[in-house]
mmCIF file of all heavy atoms, coordinates in Angstrom:
data_MODEL
# 
_entry.id   MODEL 
# 
loop_
_atom_site.group_PDB 
_atom_site.id 
_atom_site.type_symbol 
_atom_site.label_atom_id 
_atom_site.label_alt_id 
_atom_site.label_comp_id 
_atom_site.label_asym_id 
_atom_site.label_entity_id 
_atom_site.label_seq_id 
_atom_site.pdbx_PDB_ins_code 
_atom_site.Cartn_x 
_atom_site.Cartn_y 
_atom_site.Cartn_z 
_atom_site.occupancy 
_atom_site.B_iso_or_equiv 
_atom_site.pdbx_formal_charge 
_atom_site.auth_seq_id 
_atom_site.auth_comp_id 
_atom_site.auth_asym_id 
_atom_site.auth_atom_id 
_atom_site.pdbx_PDB_model_num 
ATOM 1   N N   . TYR A 1 1  ? 1.809   5.001  5.840  1.00 0.00 ? 1  TYR A N   1 
ATOM 2   C CA  . TYR A 1 1  ? 2.810   4.057  5.399  1.00 0.00 ? 1  TYR A CA  1 
ATOM 3   C C   . TYR A 1 1  ? 2.438   3.434  4.061  1.00 0.00 ? 1  TYR A C   1 
ATOM 4   O O   . TYR A 1 1  ? 1.247   3.014  3.834  1.00 0.00 ? 1  TYR A O   1 
ATOM 5   C CB  . TYR A 1 1  ? 2.920   2.921  6.412  1.00 0.00 ? 1  TYR A CB  1 
ATOM 6   C CG  . TYR A 1 1  ? 3.783   1.754  5.979  1.00 0.00 ? 1  TYR A CG  1 
ATOM 7   C CD1 . TYR A 1 1  ? 5.114   1.924  5.725  1.00 0.00 ? 1  TYR A CD1 1 
ATOM 8   C CD2 . TYR A 1 1  ? 3.233   0.492  5.825  1.00 0.00 ? 1  TYR A CD2 1 
ATOM 9   C CE1 . TYR A 1 1  ? 5.934   0.881  5.334  1.00 0.00 ? 1  TYR A CE1 1 
ATOM 10  C CE2 . TYR A 1 1  ? 4.010   -0.547 5.414  1.00 0.00 ? 1  TYR A CE2 1 
ATOM 11  C CZ  . TYR A 1 1  ? 5.363   -0.398 5.140  1.00 0.00 ? 1  TYR A CZ  1 
ATOM 12  O OH  . TYR A 1 1  ? 6.107   -1.446 4.709  1.00 0.00 ? 1  TYR A OH  1 
ATOM 13  N N   . ARG A 1 2  ? 3.378   3.357  3.145  1.00 0.00 ? 2  ARG A N   1 
ATOM 14  C CA  . ARG A 1 2  ? 3.200   2.746  1.836  1.00 0.00 ? 2  ARG A CA  1 
ATOM 15  C C   . ARG A 1 2  ? 4.240   1.628  1.709  1.00 0.00 ? 2  ARG A C   1 
ATOM 16  O O   . ARG A 1 2  ? 5.451   1.897  1.677  1.00 0.00 ? 2  ARG A O   1 
ATOM 17  C CB  . ARG A 1 2  ? 3.411   3.815  0.739  1.00 0.00 ? 2  ARG A CB  1 
ATOM 18  C CG  . ARG A 1 2  ? 3.134   3.318  -0.674 1.00 0.00 ? 2  ARG A CG  1 
ATOM 19  C CD  . ARG A 1 2  ? 1.646   3.088  -0.877 1.00 0.00 ? 2  ARG A CD  1 
ATOM 20  N NE  . ARG A 1 2  ? 1.311   2.966  -2.304 1.00 0.00 ? 2  ARG A NE  1 
ATOM 21  C CZ  . ARG A 1 2  ? 1.389   1.851  -3.000 1.00 0.00 ? 2  ARG A CZ  1 
ATOM 22  N NH1 . ARG A 1 2  ? 1.829   0.718  -2.437 1.00 0.00 ? 2  ARG A NH1 1 
ATOM 23  N NH2 . ARG A 1 2  ? 1.034   1.793  -4.285 1.00 0.00 ? 2  ARG A NH2 1 
ATOM 24  N N   . PRO A 1 3  ? 3.805   0.407  1.674  1.00 0.00 ? 3  PRO A N   1 
ATOM 25  C CA  . PRO A 1 3  ? 4.739   -0.734 1.608  1.00 0.00 ? 3  PRO A CA  1 
ATOM 26  C C   . PRO A 1 3  ? 5.668   -0.691 0.379  1.00 0.00 ? 3  PRO A C   1 
ATOM 27  O O   . PRO A 1 3  ? 5.221   -0.263 -0.680 1.00 0.00 ? 3  PRO A O   1 
ATOM 28  C CB  . PRO A 1 3  ? 3.846   -1.984 1.566  1.00 0.00 ? 3  PRO A CB  1 
ATOM 29  C CG  . PRO A 1 3  ? 2.544   -1.509 2.148  1.00 0.00 ? 3  PRO A CG  1 
ATOM 30  C CD  . PRO A 1 3  ? 2.401   -0.069 1.702  1.00 0.00 ? 3  PRO A CD  1 
ATOM 31  N N   . ARG A 1 4  ? 6.892   -1.133 0.582  1.00 0.00 ? 4  ARG A N   1 
ATOM 32  C CA  . ARG A 1 4  ? 7.871   -1.152 -0.491 1.00 0.00 ? 4  ARG A CA  1 
ATOM 33  C C   . ARG A 1 4  ? 8.525   -2.578 -0.597 1.00 0.00 ? 4  ARG A C   1 
ATOM 34  O O   . ARG A 1 4  ? 8.652   -3.245 0.412  1.00 0.00 ? 4  ARG A O   1 
ATOM 35  C CB  . ARG A 1 4  ? 8.966   -0.106 -0.316 1.00 0.00 ? 4  ARG A CB  1 
ATOM 36  C CG  . ARG A 1 4  ? 8.430   1.312  -0.341 1.00 0.00 ? 4  ARG A CG  1 
ATOM 37  C CD  . ARG A 1 4  ? 9.541   2.364  -0.166 1.00 0.00 ? 4  ARG A CD  1 
ATOM 38  N NE  . ARG A 1 4  ? 8.995   3.695  -0.302 1.00 0.00 ? 4  ARG A NE  1 
ATOM 39  C CZ  . ARG A 1 4  ? 8.873   4.391  -1.417 1.00 0.00 ? 4  ARG A CZ  1 
ATOM 40  N NH1 . ARG A 1 4  ? 9.218   3.770  -2.569 1.00 0.00 ? 4  ARG A NH1 1 
ATOM 41  N NH2 . ARG A 1 4  ? 8.343   5.602  -1.481 1.00 0.00 ? 4  ARG A NH2 1 
ATOM 42  N N   . LEU A 1 5  ? 8.903   -2.921 -1.787 1.00 0.00 ? 5  LEU A N   1 
ATOM 43  C CA  . LEU A 1 5  ? 9.546   -4.181 -2.057 1.00 0.00 ? 5  LEU A CA  1 
ATOM 44  C C   . LEU A 1 5  ? 11.067  -4.045 -1.705 1.00 0.00 ? 5  LEU A C   1 
ATOM 45  O O   . LEU A 1 5  ? 11.547  -2.937 -1.451 1.00 0.00 ? 5  LEU A O   1 
ATOM 46  C CB  . LEU A 1 5  ? 9.439   -4.567 -3.534 1.00 0.00 ? 5  LEU A CB  1 
ATOM 47  C CG  . LEU A 1 5  ? 7.986   -4.777 -3.977 1.00 0.00 ? 5  LEU A CG  1 
ATOM 48  C CD1 . LEU A 1 5  ? 7.901   -5.068 -5.493 1.00 0.00 ? 5  LEU A CD1 1 
ATOM 49  C CD2 . LEU A 1 5  ? 7.317   -5.940 -3.229 1.00 0.00 ? 5  LEU A CD2 1 
ATOM 50  N N   . PRO A 1 6  ? 11.760  -5.190 -1.625 1.00 0.00 ? 6  PRO A N   1 
ATOM 51  C CA  . PRO A 1 6  ? 13.222  -5.139 -1.235 1.00 0.00 ? 6  PRO A CA  1 
ATOM 52  C C   . PRO A 1 6  ? 14.049  -4.164 -2.090 1.00 0.00 ? 6  PRO A C   1 
ATOM 53  O O   . PRO A 1 6  ? 15.023  -3.574 -1.618 1.00 0.00 ? 6  PRO A O   1 
ATOM 54  C CB  . PRO A 1 6  ? 13.681  -6.505 -1.372 1.00 0.00 ? 6  PRO A CB  1 
ATOM 55  C CG  . PRO A 1 6  ? 12.464  -7.344 -1.169 1.00 0.00 ? 6  PRO A CG  1 
ATOM 56  C CD  . PRO A 1 6  ? 11.334  -6.554 -1.728 1.00 0.00 ? 6  PRO A CD  1 
ATOM 57  N N   . GLY A 1 7  ? 13.649  -3.995 -3.309 1.00 0.00 ? 7  GLY A N   1 
ATOM 58  C CA  . GLY A 1 7  ? 14.428  -3.082 -4.234 1.00 0.00 ? 7  GLY A CA  1 
ATOM 59  C C   . GLY A 1 7  ? 14.075  -1.613 -4.018 1.00 0.00 ? 7  GLY A C   1 
ATOM 60  O O   . GLY A 1 7  ? 14.738  -0.783 -4.638 1.00 0.00 ? 7  GLY A O   1 
ATOM 61  N N   . GLY A 1 8  ? 13.162  -1.294 -3.145 1.00 0.00 ? 8  GLY A N   1 
ATOM 62  C CA  . GLY A 1 8  ? 12.791  0.084  -2.865 1.00 0.00 ? 8  GLY A CA  1 
ATOM 63  C C   . GLY A 1 8  ? 11.568  0.599  -3.629 1.00 0.00 ? 8  GLY A C   1 
ATOM 64  O O   . GLY A 1 8  ? 11.056  1.638  -3.286 1.00 0.00 ? 8  GLY A O   1 
ATOM 65  N N   . GLU A 1 9  ? 11.106  -0.147 -4.618 1.00 0.00 ? 9  GLU A N   1 
ATOM 66  C CA  . GLU A 1 9  ? 9.932   0.261  -5.370 1.00 0.00 ? 9  GLU A CA  1 
ATOM 67  C C   . GLU A 1 9  ? 8.620   0.039  -4.568 1.00 0.00 ? 9  GLU A C   1 
ATOM 68  O O   . GLU A 1 9  ? 8.612   -0.831 -3.687 1.00 0.00 ? 9  GLU A O   1 
ATOM 69  C CB  . GLU A 1 9  ? 9.814   -0.393 -6.751 1.00 0.00 ? 9  GLU A CB  1 
ATOM 70  C CG  . GLU A 1 9  ? 9.750   -1.960 -6.683 1.00 0.00 ? 9  GLU A CG  1 
ATOM 71  C CD  . GLU A 1 9  ? 11.064  -2.686 -6.655 1.00 0.00 ? 9  GLU A CD  1 
ATOM 72  O OE1 . GLU A 1 9  ? 12.073  -2.013 -6.216 1.00 0.00 ? 9  GLU A OE1 1 
ATOM 73  O OE2 . GLU A 1 9  ? 11.140  -3.838 -7.028 1.00 0.00 ? 9  GLU A OE2 1 
ATOM 74  N N   . LEU A 1 10 ? 7.623   0.785  -4.897 1.00 0.00 ? 10 LEU A N   1 
ATOM 75  C CA  . LEU A 1 10 ? 6.384   0.703  -4.183 1.00 0.00 ? 10 LEU A CA  1 
ATOM 76  C C   . LEU A 1 10 ? 5.722   -0.669 -4.441 1.00 0.00 ? 10 LEU A C   1 
ATOM 77  O O   . LEU A 1 10 ? 5.683   -1.156 -5.566 1.00 0.00 ? 10 LEU A O   1 
ATOM 78  C CB  . LEU A 1 10 ? 5.345   1.775  -4.559 1.00 0.00 ? 10 LEU A CB  1 
ATOM 79  C CG  . LEU A 1 10 ? 5.767   3.192  -4.170 1.00 0.00 ? 10 LEU A CG  1 
ATOM 80  C CD1 . LEU A 1 10 ? 4.752   4.208  -4.745 1.00 0.00 ? 10 LEU A CD1 1 
ATOM 81  C CD2 . LEU A 1 10 ? 5.741   3.365  -2.633 1.00 0.00 ? 10 LEU A CD2 1 
ATOM 82  N N   . ALA A 1 11 ? 5.260   -1.275 -3.390 1.00 0.00 ? 11 ALA A N   1 
ATOM 83  C CA  . ALA A 1 11 ? 4.647   -2.636 -3.497 1.00 0.00 ? 11 ALA A CA  1 
ATOM 84  C C   . ALA A 1 11 ? 3.239   -2.500 -4.026 1.00 0.00 ? 11 ALA A C   1 
ATOM 85  O O   . ALA A 1 11 ? 2.476   -1.613 -3.603 1.00 0.00 ? 11 ALA A O   1 
ATOM 86  C CB  . ALA A 1 11 ? 4.624   -3.350 -2.153 1.00 0.00 ? 11 ALA A CB  1 
ATOM 87  N N   . PRO A 1 12 ? 2.801   -3.359 -4.945 1.00 0.00 ? 12 PRO A N   1 
ATOM 88  C CA  . PRO A 1 12 ? 1.413   -3.326 -5.424 1.00 0.00 ? 12 PRO A CA  1 
ATOM 89  C C   . PRO A 1 12 ? 0.465   -3.783 -4.307 1.00 0.00 ? 12 PRO A C   1 
ATOM 90  O O   . PRO A 1 12 ? 0.738   -4.760 -3.633 1.00 0.00 ? 12 PRO A O   1 
ATOM 91  C CB  . PRO A 1 12 ? 1.403   -4.297 -6.596 1.00 0.00 ? 12 PRO A CB  1 
ATOM 92  C CG  . PRO A 1 12 ? 2.535   -5.229 -6.342 1.00 0.00 ? 12 PRO A CG  1 
ATOM 93  C CD  . PRO A 1 12 ? 3.535   -4.466 -5.590 1.00 0.00 ? 12 PRO A CD  1 
ATOM 94  N N   . MET A 1 13 ? -0.636  -3.057 -4.132 1.00 0.00 ? 13 MET A N   1 
ATOM 95  C CA  . MET A 1 13 ? -1.582  -3.368 -3.097 1.00 0.00 ? 13 MET A CA  1 
ATOM 96  C C   . MET A 1 13 ? -2.974  -3.601 -3.765 1.00 0.00 ? 13 MET A C   1 
ATOM 97  O O   . MET A 1 13 ? -3.365  -2.806 -4.632 1.00 0.00 ? 13 MET A O   1 
ATOM 98  C CB  . MET A 1 13 ? -1.750  -2.303 -2.051 1.00 0.00 ? 13 MET A CB  1 
ATOM 99  C CG  . MET A 1 13 ? -0.533  -2.125 -1.176 1.00 0.00 ? 13 MET A CG  1 
ATOM 100 S SD  . MET A 1 13 ? -0.845  -1.111 0.330  1.00 0.00 ? 13 MET A SD  1 
ATOM 101 C CE  . MET A 1 13 ? -1.405  0.477  -0.428 1.00 0.00 ? 13 MET A CE  1 
ATOM 102 N N   . PRO A 1 14 ? -3.708  -4.669 -3.382 1.00 0.00 ? 14 PRO A N   1 
ATOM 103 C CA  . PRO A 1 14 ? -4.990  -4.846 -3.927 1.00 0.00 ? 14 PRO A CA  1 
ATOM 104 C C   . PRO A 1 14 ? -5.952  -3.696 -3.592 1.00 0.00 ? 14 PRO A C   1 
ATOM 105 O O   . PRO A 1 14 ? -5.744  -3.031 -2.544 1.00 0.00 ? 14 PRO A O   1 
ATOM 106 C CB  . PRO A 1 14 ? -5.513  -6.186 -3.285 1.00 0.00 ? 14 PRO A CB  1 
ATOM 107 C CG  . PRO A 1 14 ? -4.618  -6.334 -2.070 1.00 0.00 ? 14 PRO A CG  1 
ATOM 108 C CD  . PRO A 1 14 ? -3.373  -5.729 -2.382 1.00 0.00 ? 14 PRO A CD  1 
ATOM 109 N N   . TRP A 1 15 ? -6.972  -3.435 -4.392 1.00 0.00 ? 15 TRP A N   1 
ATOM 110 C CA  . TRP A 1 15 ? -7.754  -2.256 -4.193 1.00 0.00 ? 15 TRP A CA  1 
ATOM 111 C C   . TRP A 1 15 ? -8.442  -2.218 -2.788 1.00 0.00 ? 15 TRP A C   1 
ATOM 112 O O   . TRP A 1 15 ? -8.568  -1.087 -2.229 1.00 0.00 ? 15 TRP A O   1 
ATOM 113 C CB  . TRP A 1 15 ? -8.815  -2.130 -5.320 1.00 0.00 ? 15 TRP A CB  1 
ATOM 114 C CG  . TRP A 1 15 ? -9.899  -3.163 -5.343 1.00 0.00 ? 15 TRP A CG  1 
ATOM 115 C CD1 . TRP A 1 15 ? -9.978  -4.278 -6.028 1.00 0.00 ? 15 TRP A CD1 1 
ATOM 116 C CD2 . TRP A 1 15 ? -11.160 -3.067 -4.559 1.00 0.00 ? 15 TRP A CD2 1 
ATOM 117 N NE1 . TRP A 1 15 ? -11.122 -4.991 -5.805 1.00 0.00 ? 15 TRP A NE1 1 
ATOM 118 C CE2 . TRP A 1 15 ? -11.875 -4.258 -4.883 1.00 0.00 ? 15 TRP A CE2 1 
ATOM 119 C CE3 . TRP A 1 15 ? -11.702 -2.187 -3.694 1.00 0.00 ? 15 TRP A CE3 1 
ATOM 120 C CZ2 . TRP A 1 15 ? -13.128 -4.571 -4.338 1.00 0.00 ? 15 TRP A CZ2 1 
ATOM 121 C CZ3 . TRP A 1 15 ? -12.958 -2.470 -3.134 1.00 0.00 ? 15 TRP A CZ3 1 
ATOM 122 C CH2 . TRP A 1 15 ? -13.637 -3.665 -3.440 1.00 0.00 ? 15 TRP A CH2 1 
ATOM 123 N N   . PRO A 1 16 ? -8.932  -3.297 -2.189 1.00 0.00 ? 16 PRO A N   1 
ATOM 124 C CA  . PRO A 1 16 ? -9.473  -3.175 -0.819 1.00 0.00 ? 16 PRO A CA  1 
ATOM 125 C C   . PRO A 1 16 ? -8.453  -2.676 0.195  1.00 0.00 ? 16 PRO A C   1 
ATOM 126 O O   . PRO A 1 16 ? -8.829  -1.872 1.102  1.00 0.00 ? 16 PRO A O   1 
ATOM 127 C CB  . PRO A 1 16 ? -9.930  -4.588 -0.533 1.00 0.00 ? 16 PRO A CB  1 
ATOM 128 C CG  . PRO A 1 16 ? -10.055 -5.266 -1.779 1.00 0.00 ? 16 PRO A CG  1 
ATOM 129 C CD  . PRO A 1 16 ? -9.031  -4.703 -2.638 1.00 0.00 ? 16 PRO A CD  1 
ATOM 130 N N   . VAL A 1 17 ? -7.234  -3.089 0.075  1.00 0.00 ? 17 VAL A N   1 
ATOM 131 C CA  . VAL A 1 17 ? -6.197  -2.664 1.027  1.00 0.00 ? 17 VAL A CA  1 
ATOM 132 C C   . VAL A 1 17 ? -5.837  -1.198 0.773  1.00 0.00 ? 17 VAL A C   1 
ATOM 133 O O   . VAL A 1 17 ? -5.625  -0.382 1.750  1.00 0.00 ? 17 VAL A O   1 
ATOM 134 C CB  . VAL A 1 17 ? -4.887  -3.565 0.951  1.00 0.00 ? 17 VAL A CB  1 
ATOM 135 C CG1 . VAL A 1 17 ? -3.828  -3.061 1.896  1.00 0.00 ? 17 VAL A CG1 1 
ATOM 136 C CG2 . VAL A 1 17 ? -5.244  -5.004 1.184  1.00 0.00 ? 17 VAL A CG2 1 
ATOM 137 N N   . SER A 1 18 ? -5.785  -0.786 -0.514 1.00 0.00 ? 18 SER A N   1 
ATOM 138 C CA  . SER A 1 18 ? -5.548  0.669  -0.801 1.00 0.00 ? 18 SER A CA  1 
ATOM 139 C C   . SER A 1 18 ? -6.654  1.497  -0.232 1.00 0.00 ? 18 SER A C   1 
ATOM 140 O O   . SER A 1 18 ? -6.380  2.602  0.280  1.00 0.00 ? 18 SER A O   1 
ATOM 141 C CB  . SER A 1 18 ? -5.450  0.804  -2.360 1.00 0.00 ? 18 SER A CB  1 
ATOM 142 O OG  . SER A 1 18 ? -4.330  0.105  -2.840 1.00 0.00 ? 18 SER A OG  1 
ATOM 143 N N   . LEU A 1 19 ? -7.945  1.079  -0.377 1.00 0.00 ? 19 LEU A N   1 
ATOM 144 C CA  . LEU A 1 19 ? -9.034  1.822  0.161  1.00 0.00 ? 19 LEU A CA  1 
ATOM 145 C C   . LEU A 1 19 ? -8.961  1.849  1.658  1.00 0.00 ? 19 LEU A C   1 
ATOM 146 O O   . LEU A 1 19 ? -9.329  2.881  2.281  1.00 0.00 ? 19 LEU A O   1 
ATOM 147 C CB  . LEU A 1 19 ? -10.301 1.153  -0.317 1.00 0.00 ? 19 LEU A CB  1 
ATOM 148 C CG  . LEU A 1 19 ? -11.606 2.067  -0.405 1.00 0.00 ? 19 LEU A CG  1 
ATOM 149 C CD1 . LEU A 1 19 ? -11.370 3.261  -1.236 1.00 0.00 ? 19 LEU A CD1 1 
ATOM 150 C CD2 . LEU A 1 19 ? -12.772 1.282  -0.887 1.00 0.00 ? 19 LEU A CD2 1 
ATOM 151 N N   . TYR A 1 20 ? -8.631  0.736  2.294  1.00 0.00 ? 20 TYR A N   1 
ATOM 152 C CA  . TYR A 1 20 ? -8.380  0.660  3.712  1.00 0.00 ? 20 TYR A CA  1 
ATOM 153 C C   . TYR A 1 20 ? -7.379  1.686  4.208  1.00 0.00 ? 20 TYR A C   1 
ATOM 154 O O   . TYR A 1 20 ? -7.559  2.439  5.172  1.00 0.00 ? 20 TYR A O   1 
ATOM 155 C CB  . TYR A 1 20 ? -7.959  -0.754 4.056  1.00 0.00 ? 20 TYR A CB  1 
ATOM 156 C CG  . TYR A 1 20 ? -7.655  -1.066 5.532  1.00 0.00 ? 20 TYR A CG  1 
ATOM 157 C CD1 . TYR A 1 20 ? -8.402  -0.541 6.580  1.00 0.00 ? 20 TYR A CD1 1 
ATOM 158 C CD2 . TYR A 1 20 ? -6.584  -1.943 5.828  1.00 0.00 ? 20 TYR A CD2 1 
ATOM 159 C CE1 . TYR A 1 20 ? -8.099  -0.870 7.862  1.00 0.00 ? 20 TYR A CE1 1 
ATOM 160 C CE2 . TYR A 1 20 ? -6.303  -2.271 7.124  1.00 0.00 ? 20 TYR A CE2 1 
ATOM 161 C CZ  . TYR A 1 20 ? -7.062  -1.699 8.175  1.00 0.00 ? 20 TYR A CZ  1 
ATOM 162 O OH  . TYR A 1 20 ? -6.779  -2.062 9.459  1.00 0.00 ? 20 TYR A OH  1 
ATOM 163 N N   . ARG A 1 21 ? -6.288  1.791  3.484  1.00 0.00 ? 21 ARG A N   1 
ATOM 164 C CA  . ARG A 1 21 ? -5.253  2.774  3.852  1.00 0.00 ? 21 ARG A CA  1 
ATOM 165 C C   . ARG A 1 21 ? -5.734  4.203  3.698  1.00 0.00 ? 21 ARG A C   1 
ATOM 166 O O   . ARG A 1 21 ? -5.423  5.063  4.542  1.00 0.00 ? 21 ARG A O   1 
ATOM 167 C CB  . ARG A 1 21 ? -4.025  2.552  2.904  1.00 0.00 ? 21 ARG A CB  1 
ATOM 168 C CG  . ARG A 1 21 ? -2.942  3.610  3.007  1.00 0.00 ? 21 ARG A CG  1 
ATOM 169 C CD  . ARG A 1 21 ? -1.823  3.326  2.018  1.00 0.00 ? 21 ARG A CD  1 
ATOM 170 N NE  . ARG A 1 21 ? -0.803  4.420  2.073  1.00 0.00 ? 21 ARG A NE  1 
ATOM 171 C CZ  . ARG A 1 21 ? -0.889  5.503  1.282  1.00 0.00 ? 21 ARG A CZ  1 
ATOM 172 N NH1 . ARG A 1 21 ? -1.830  5.660  0.443  1.00 0.00 ? 21 ARG A NH1 1 
ATOM 173 N NH2 . ARG A 1 21 ? 0.094   6.409  1.405  1.00 0.00 ? 21 ARG A NH2 1 
ATOM 174 N N   . ILE A 1 22 ? -6.586  4.460  2.689  1.00 0.00 ? 22 ILE A N   1 
ATOM 175 C CA  . ILE A 1 22 ? -7.097  5.890  2.486  1.00 0.00 ? 22 ILE A CA  1 
ATOM 176 C C   . ILE A 1 22 ? -8.146  6.220  3.524  1.00 0.00 ? 22 ILE A C   1 
ATOM 177 O O   . ILE A 1 22 ? -8.112  7.356  4.030  1.00 0.00 ? 22 ILE A O   1 
ATOM 178 C CB  . ILE A 1 22 ? -7.658  5.979  1.059  1.00 0.00 ? 22 ILE A CB  1 
ATOM 179 C CG1 . ILE A 1 22 ? -6.510  5.839  0.045  1.00 0.00 ? 22 ILE A CG1 1 
ATOM 180 C CG2 . ILE A 1 22 ? -8.374  7.323  0.865  1.00 0.00 ? 22 ILE A CG2 1 
ATOM 181 C CD1 . ILE A 1 22 ? -7.011  5.706  -1.418 1.00 0.00 ? 22 ILE A CD1 1 
ATOM 182 N N   . LEU A 1 23 ? -9.073  5.316  3.828  1.00 0.00 ? 23 LEU A N   1 
ATOM 183 C CA  . LEU A 1 23 ? -10.233 5.666  4.626  1.00 0.00 ? 23 LEU A CA  1 
ATOM 184 C C   . LEU A 1 23 ? -10.035 5.528  6.104  1.00 0.00 ? 23 LEU A C   1 
ATOM 185 O O   . LEU A 1 23 ? -10.766 6.218  6.846  1.00 0.00 ? 23 LEU A O   1 
ATOM 186 C CB  . LEU A 1 23 ? -11.471 4.760  4.226  1.00 0.00 ? 23 LEU A CB  1 
ATOM 187 C CG  . LEU A 1 23 ? -11.940 4.929  2.805  1.00 0.00 ? 23 LEU A CG  1 
ATOM 188 C CD1 . LEU A 1 23 ? -13.075 3.924  2.548  1.00 0.00 ? 23 LEU A CD1 1 
ATOM 189 C CD2 . LEU A 1 23 ? -12.485 6.332  2.527  1.00 0.00 ? 23 LEU A CD2 1 
ATOM 190 N N   . ASN A 1 24 ? -9.039  4.730  6.548  1.00 0.00 ? 24 ASN A N   1 
ATOM 191 C CA  . ASN A 1 24 ? -9.000  4.447  7.980  1.00 0.00 ? 24 ASN A CA  1 
ATOM 192 C C   . ASN A 1 24 ? -7.624  4.960  8.537  1.00 0.00 ? 24 ASN A C   1 
ATOM 193 O O   . ASN A 1 24 ? -6.668  4.223  8.613  1.00 0.00 ? 24 ASN A O   1 
ATOM 194 C CB  . ASN A 1 24 ? -9.081  2.944  8.200  1.00 0.00 ? 24 ASN A CB  1 
ATOM 195 C CG  . ASN A 1 24 ? -9.527  2.558  9.587  1.00 0.00 ? 24 ASN A CG  1 
ATOM 196 O OD1 . ASN A 1 24 ? -9.078  3.208  10.542 1.00 0.00 ? 24 ASN A OD1 1 
ATOM 197 N ND2 . ASN A 1 24 ? -10.335 1.545  9.714  1.00 0.00 ? 24 ASN A ND2 1 
ATOM 198 N N   . HIS A 1 25 ? -7.641  6.241  8.954  1.00 0.00 ? 25 HIS A N   1 
ATOM 199 C CA  . HIS A 1 25 ? -6.441  6.781  9.506  1.00 0.00 ? 25 HIS A CA  1 
ATOM 200 C C   . HIS A 1 25 ? -6.230  6.248  10.983 1.00 0.00 ? 25 HIS A C   1 
ATOM 201 O O   . HIS A 1 25 ? -5.053  6.355  11.450 1.00 0.00 ? 25 HIS A O   1 
ATOM 202 C CB  . HIS A 1 25 ? -6.562  8.311  9.635  1.00 0.00 ? 25 HIS A CB  1 
ATOM 203 C CG  . HIS A 1 25 ? -7.503  8.801  10.658 1.00 0.00 ? 25 HIS A CG  1 
ATOM 204 N ND1 . HIS A 1 25 ? -7.083  9.104  11.925 1.00 0.00 ? 25 HIS A ND1 1 
ATOM 205 C CD2 . HIS A 1 25 ? -8.847  9.078  10.625 1.00 0.00 ? 25 HIS A CD2 1 
ATOM 206 C CE1 . HIS A 1 25 ? -8.124  9.494  12.675 1.00 0.00 ? 25 HIS A CE1 1 
ATOM 207 N NE2 . HIS A 1 25 ? -9.190  9.518  11.882 1.00 0.00 ? 25 HIS A NE2 1 
# 
């Protein structure tokens, strides 16, 4: 899952959350 803003564009995520998304399936 990649969070999106109400307009449909990808939401910015801080680097720890991005790393969390990548490393922890």
